[in-house]
Structures are given as structure tokens and as C-alpha cells.
Amino acid sequence: MPGRCSSGSDLPDHEQNSYALVAAALWHMVAARRSRPGSGAARRATGLGMAALAQAALGVTTLLLAVPLWAGLAHQLLARDQRRHRRQA
């Protein structure tokens, strides 16, 4: 059924959320770099955009490789590390 995730609920699933998050992070990165090139905010926005893109790439790689242990652990550890840094900021 269109608009439903694999569990059957009306809520967006993990994959849709990650695409939206990566798009928002990349949009923020481009906007910050255009409005204030070279500033600390632009550098942090670039770091955020690249971290979101790396996490998404690792998630897609994990799925394409049929979730090998190393890729699944790396995807989870990177997400955990990003959450820890977000709480400290």
C-alpha cells in the first residue's frame, strides 16, 4: 500500500527518515557555505552534512551486502557516536 512502511503503520520507516535527514543536512550545509563561507558555522554544517552522508552510505552498504556483521556494527557505532556528540553540544 503506498505511503505505508513495511510494518504496515502509517509512520515513515527508517529508510525514508534517513533520506529526509540527509537531504536536510546537505541543504543546510550548502546554505551555510553560501551565506557565510569560511565561517565556523559553515565548517560545522559541512561536518554535519558529511557525517549524515557517510552514515547513509554505510547503511545502504550494509543492506546491499546482506547485513554482514562488520557493516551492521559500523552503522550502529557511527549512529551511537553521533548521538553522543549531539548531547555534548
N, C-alpha and C. Protein backbone atom coordinates (compact mmCIF):
# COMPACT_ATOMS: atom_id res chain seq x y z
N MET A 1 0.84 -1.17 0.00
CA MET A 1 0.00 0.00 0.00
C MET A 1 0.89 1.24 0.00
N PRO A 2 0.66 2.20 -0.90
CA PRO A 2 1.51 3.39 -0.96
C PRO A 2 1.43 4.19 0.34
N GLY A 3 2.58 4.74 0.75
CA GLY A 3 2.62 5.56 1.95
C GLY A 3 2.75 4.79 3.24
N ARG A 4 2.80 3.47 3.15
CA ARG A 4 2.94 2.66 4.37
C ARG A 4 4.32 2.02 4.39
N CYS A 5 4.86 1.89 5.58
CA CYS A 5 6.15 1.23 5.71
C CYS A 5 5.95 -0.29 5.79
N SER A 6 7.05 -1.00 5.84
CA SER A 6 6.97 -2.45 5.81
C SER A 6 6.22 -3.05 7.00
N SER A 7 6.17 -2.32 8.11
CA SER A 7 5.45 -2.85 9.27
C SER A 7 3.94 -2.64 9.15
N GLY A 8 3.51 -1.86 8.15
CA GLY A 8 2.09 -1.64 7.94
C GLY A 8 1.55 -0.39 8.61
N SER A 9 2.40 0.32 9.36
CA SER A 9 1.91 1.54 10.02
C SER A 9 1.94 2.71 9.05
N ASP A 10 1.30 3.79 9.41
CA ASP A 10 1.30 4.99 8.58
C ASP A 10 2.53 5.86 8.82
N LEU A 11 3.36 5.49 9.78
CA LEU A 11 4.56 6.27 10.07
C LEU A 11 5.64 5.97 9.04
N PRO A 12 6.46 6.97 8.72
CA PRO A 12 7.57 6.72 7.79
C PRO A 12 8.56 5.73 8.40
N ASP A 13 9.18 4.93 7.57
CA ASP A 13 10.12 3.95 8.10
C ASP A 13 11.54 4.54 8.19
N HIS A 14 12.45 3.75 8.69
CA HIS A 14 13.82 4.16 8.93
C HIS A 14 14.48 4.69 7.65
N GLU A 15 14.26 4.02 6.54
CA GLU A 15 14.88 4.42 5.28
C GLU A 15 14.38 5.78 4.81
N GLN A 16 13.08 6.00 4.87
CA GLN A 16 12.52 7.29 4.45
C GLN A 16 13.02 8.41 5.36
N ASN A 17 13.07 8.15 6.65
CA ASN A 17 13.58 9.15 7.58
C ASN A 17 15.03 9.50 7.29
N SER A 18 15.83 8.50 6.98
CA SER A 18 17.25 8.77 6.72
C SER A 18 17.43 9.59 5.45
N TYR A 19 16.66 9.31 4.40
CA TYR A 19 16.75 10.11 3.18
C TYR A 19 16.37 11.56 3.46
N ALA A 20 15.32 11.77 4.23
CA ALA A 20 14.89 13.13 4.56
C ALA A 20 15.95 13.84 5.40
N LEU A 21 16.54 13.14 6.35
CA LEU A 21 17.57 13.73 7.21
C LEU A 21 18.82 14.10 6.41
N VAL A 22 19.25 13.22 5.52
CA VAL A 22 20.43 13.51 4.70
C VAL A 22 20.15 14.70 3.80
N ALA A 23 18.97 14.75 3.19
CA ALA A 23 18.62 15.88 2.33
C ALA A 23 18.63 17.19 3.12
N ALA A 24 18.07 17.18 4.32
CA ALA A 24 18.05 18.38 5.15
C ALA A 24 19.46 18.80 5.56
N ALA A 25 20.29 17.84 5.93
CA ALA A 25 21.66 18.15 6.35
C ALA A 25 22.48 18.71 5.18
N LEU A 26 22.30 18.14 3.99
CA LEU A 26 23.02 18.65 2.83
C LEU A 26 22.52 20.03 2.42
N TRP A 27 21.20 20.25 2.50
CA TRP A 27 20.65 21.57 2.20
C TRP A 27 21.23 22.60 3.18
N HIS A 28 21.27 22.25 4.46
CA HIS A 28 21.82 23.14 5.49
C HIS A 28 23.29 23.44 5.21
N MET A 29 24.03 22.42 4.81
CA MET A 29 25.45 22.59 4.51
C MET A 29 25.63 23.59 3.36
N VAL A 30 24.90 23.41 2.28
CA VAL A 30 25.02 24.30 1.13
C VAL A 30 24.59 25.73 1.50
N ALA A 31 23.49 25.85 2.23
CA ALA A 31 23.00 27.18 2.62
C ALA A 31 24.02 27.90 3.51
N ALA A 32 24.61 27.19 4.45
CA ALA A 32 25.59 27.80 5.35
C ALA A 32 26.85 28.20 4.60
N ARG A 33 27.29 27.36 3.68
CA ARG A 33 28.51 27.67 2.93
C ARG A 33 28.29 28.84 1.97
N ARG A 34 27.07 29.00 1.47
CA ARG A 34 26.79 30.13 0.57
C ARG A 34 26.64 31.43 1.35
N SER A 35 25.98 31.38 2.49
CA SER A 35 25.71 32.61 3.22
C SER A 35 26.91 33.10 4.03
N ARG A 36 27.71 32.18 4.56
CA ARG A 36 28.86 32.58 5.39
C ARG A 36 30.06 31.70 5.09
N PRO A 37 30.62 31.81 3.89
CA PRO A 37 31.75 30.95 3.52
C PRO A 37 32.94 31.12 4.46
N GLY A 38 33.52 30.02 4.85
CA GLY A 38 34.71 30.04 5.70
C GLY A 38 34.45 30.25 7.18
N SER A 39 33.20 30.46 7.57
CA SER A 39 32.90 30.69 8.98
C SER A 39 32.88 29.37 9.75
N GLY A 40 32.88 29.48 11.07
CA GLY A 40 32.78 28.29 11.91
C GLY A 40 31.46 27.57 11.70
N ALA A 41 30.39 28.34 11.51
CA ALA A 41 29.07 27.72 11.27
C ALA A 41 29.08 26.93 9.97
N ALA A 42 29.72 27.46 8.94
CA ALA A 42 29.79 26.76 7.65
C ALA A 42 30.62 25.48 7.78
N ARG A 43 31.70 25.55 8.55
CA ARG A 43 32.52 24.34 8.74
C ARG A 43 31.76 23.27 9.52
N ARG A 44 31.02 23.69 10.55
CA ARG A 44 30.24 22.72 11.32
C ARG A 44 29.11 22.14 10.48
N ALA A 45 28.46 22.97 9.66
CA ALA A 45 27.40 22.48 8.79
C ALA A 45 27.96 21.49 7.77
N THR A 46 29.16 21.74 7.28
CA THR A 46 29.81 20.81 6.35
C THR A 46 30.11 19.49 7.05
N GLY A 47 30.60 19.55 8.28
CA GLY A 47 30.85 18.32 9.04
C GLY A 47 29.58 17.53 9.26
N LEU A 48 28.50 18.23 9.60
CA LEU A 48 27.21 17.57 9.81
C LEU A 48 26.71 16.92 8.52
N GLY A 49 26.81 17.65 7.42
CA GLY A 49 26.37 17.11 6.13
C GLY A 49 27.16 15.87 5.72
N MET A 50 28.47 15.94 5.92
CA MET A 50 29.32 14.80 5.55
C MET A 50 29.08 13.61 6.48
N ALA A 51 28.85 13.86 7.76
CA ALA A 51 28.57 12.77 8.70
C ALA A 51 27.25 12.09 8.35
N ALA A 52 26.23 12.88 8.01
CA ALA A 52 24.94 12.31 7.62
C ALA A 52 25.07 11.49 6.34
N LEU A 53 25.83 12.01 5.39
CA LEU A 53 26.03 11.30 4.12
C LEU A 53 26.81 10.00 4.34
N ALA A 54 27.83 10.04 5.20
CA ALA A 54 28.61 8.83 5.50
C ALA A 54 27.74 7.78 6.18
N GLN A 55 26.90 8.21 7.12
CA GLN A 55 26.04 7.28 7.83
C GLN A 55 25.05 6.63 6.87
N ALA A 56 24.48 7.43 5.96
CA ALA A 56 23.53 6.88 4.98
C ALA A 56 24.23 5.91 4.03
N ALA A 57 25.44 6.28 3.59
CA ALA A 57 26.19 5.38 2.70
C ALA A 57 26.52 4.07 3.39
N LEU A 58 26.89 4.15 4.66
CA LEU A 58 27.18 2.94 5.42
C LEU A 58 25.91 2.09 5.60
N GLY A 59 24.77 2.73 5.82
CA GLY A 59 23.51 2.00 5.94
C GLY A 59 23.13 1.30 4.66
N VAL A 60 23.28 1.99 3.53
CA VAL A 60 22.95 1.38 2.23
C VAL A 60 23.91 0.23 1.94
N THR A 61 25.20 0.44 2.22
CA THR A 61 26.19 -0.62 2.02
C THR A 61 25.86 -1.84 2.86
N THR A 62 25.45 -1.61 4.10
CA THR A 62 25.07 -2.70 4.99
C THR A 62 23.95 -3.53 4.39
N LEU A 63 22.95 -2.86 3.83
CA LEU A 63 21.83 -3.58 3.22
C LEU A 63 22.24 -4.31 1.95
N LEU A 64 23.04 -3.65 1.11
CA LEU A 64 23.46 -4.27 -0.14
C LEU A 64 24.31 -5.52 0.08
N LEU A 65 25.06 -5.53 1.17
CA LEU A 65 25.90 -6.69 1.48
C LEU A 65 25.18 -7.72 2.34
N ALA A 66 23.86 -7.59 2.45
CA ALA A 66 23.02 -8.51 3.22
C ALA A 66 23.40 -8.52 4.70
N VAL A 67 23.68 -7.37 5.24
CA VAL A 67 23.97 -7.12 6.65
C VAL A 67 25.07 -8.02 7.21
N PRO A 68 26.30 -7.87 6.69
CA PRO A 68 27.40 -8.57 7.35
C PRO A 68 27.66 -7.94 8.71
N LEU A 69 28.19 -8.70 9.61
CA LEU A 69 28.39 -8.23 10.98
C LEU A 69 29.20 -6.95 11.04
N TRP A 70 30.29 -6.86 10.29
CA TRP A 70 31.15 -5.67 10.37
C TRP A 70 30.40 -4.42 9.93
N ALA A 71 29.60 -4.51 8.87
CA ALA A 71 28.89 -3.34 8.36
C ALA A 71 27.75 -2.93 9.29
N GLY A 72 27.04 -3.90 9.83
CA GLY A 72 25.96 -3.60 10.76
C GLY A 72 26.48 -2.94 12.02
N LEU A 73 27.60 -3.45 12.55
CA LEU A 73 28.19 -2.85 13.75
C LEU A 73 28.72 -1.45 13.47
N ALA A 74 29.36 -1.27 12.32
CA ALA A 74 29.88 0.06 11.99
C ALA A 74 28.74 1.07 11.86
N HIS A 75 27.64 0.68 11.24
CA HIS A 75 26.48 1.57 11.08
C HIS A 75 25.92 1.94 12.45
N GLN A 76 25.80 0.98 13.34
CA GLN A 76 25.27 1.26 14.68
C GLN A 76 26.23 2.10 15.52
N LEU A 77 27.53 1.80 15.44
CA LEU A 77 28.50 2.55 16.24
C LEU A 77 28.62 3.99 15.78
N LEU A 78 28.56 4.23 14.47
CA LEU A 78 28.61 5.60 13.97
C LEU A 78 27.37 6.37 14.43
N ALA A 79 26.21 5.76 14.39
CA ALA A 79 24.98 6.41 14.85
C ALA A 79 25.08 6.71 16.35
N ARG A 80 25.60 5.78 17.13
CA ARG A 80 25.74 5.97 18.57
C ARG A 80 26.71 7.10 18.86
N ASP A 81 27.82 7.16 18.12
CA ASP A 81 28.81 8.20 18.32
C ASP A 81 28.23 9.57 17.97
N GLN A 82 27.43 9.65 16.91
CA GLN A 82 26.81 10.92 16.53
C GLN A 82 25.82 11.38 17.59
N ARG A 83 25.07 10.47 18.17
CA ARG A 83 24.13 10.84 19.23
C ARG A 83 24.87 11.36 20.46
N ARG A 84 26.00 10.73 20.80
CA ARG A 84 26.78 11.14 21.97
C ARG A 84 27.31 12.55 21.76
N HIS A 85 27.84 12.85 20.57
CA HIS A 85 28.36 14.20 20.30
C HIS A 85 27.24 15.24 20.29
N ARG A 86 26.07 14.87 19.83
CA ARG A 86 24.94 15.81 19.80
C ARG A 86 24.53 16.18 21.22
N ARG A 87 24.55 15.22 22.14
CA ARG A 87 24.19 15.51 23.54
C ARG A 87 25.21 16.42 24.20
N GLN A 88 26.49 16.31 23.83
CA GLN A 88 27.53 17.11 24.44
C GLN A 88 27.53 18.55 23.94
N ALA A 89 26.97 18.79 22.76
CA ALA A 89 26.99 20.15 22.17
C ALA A 89 26.04 21.10 22.86
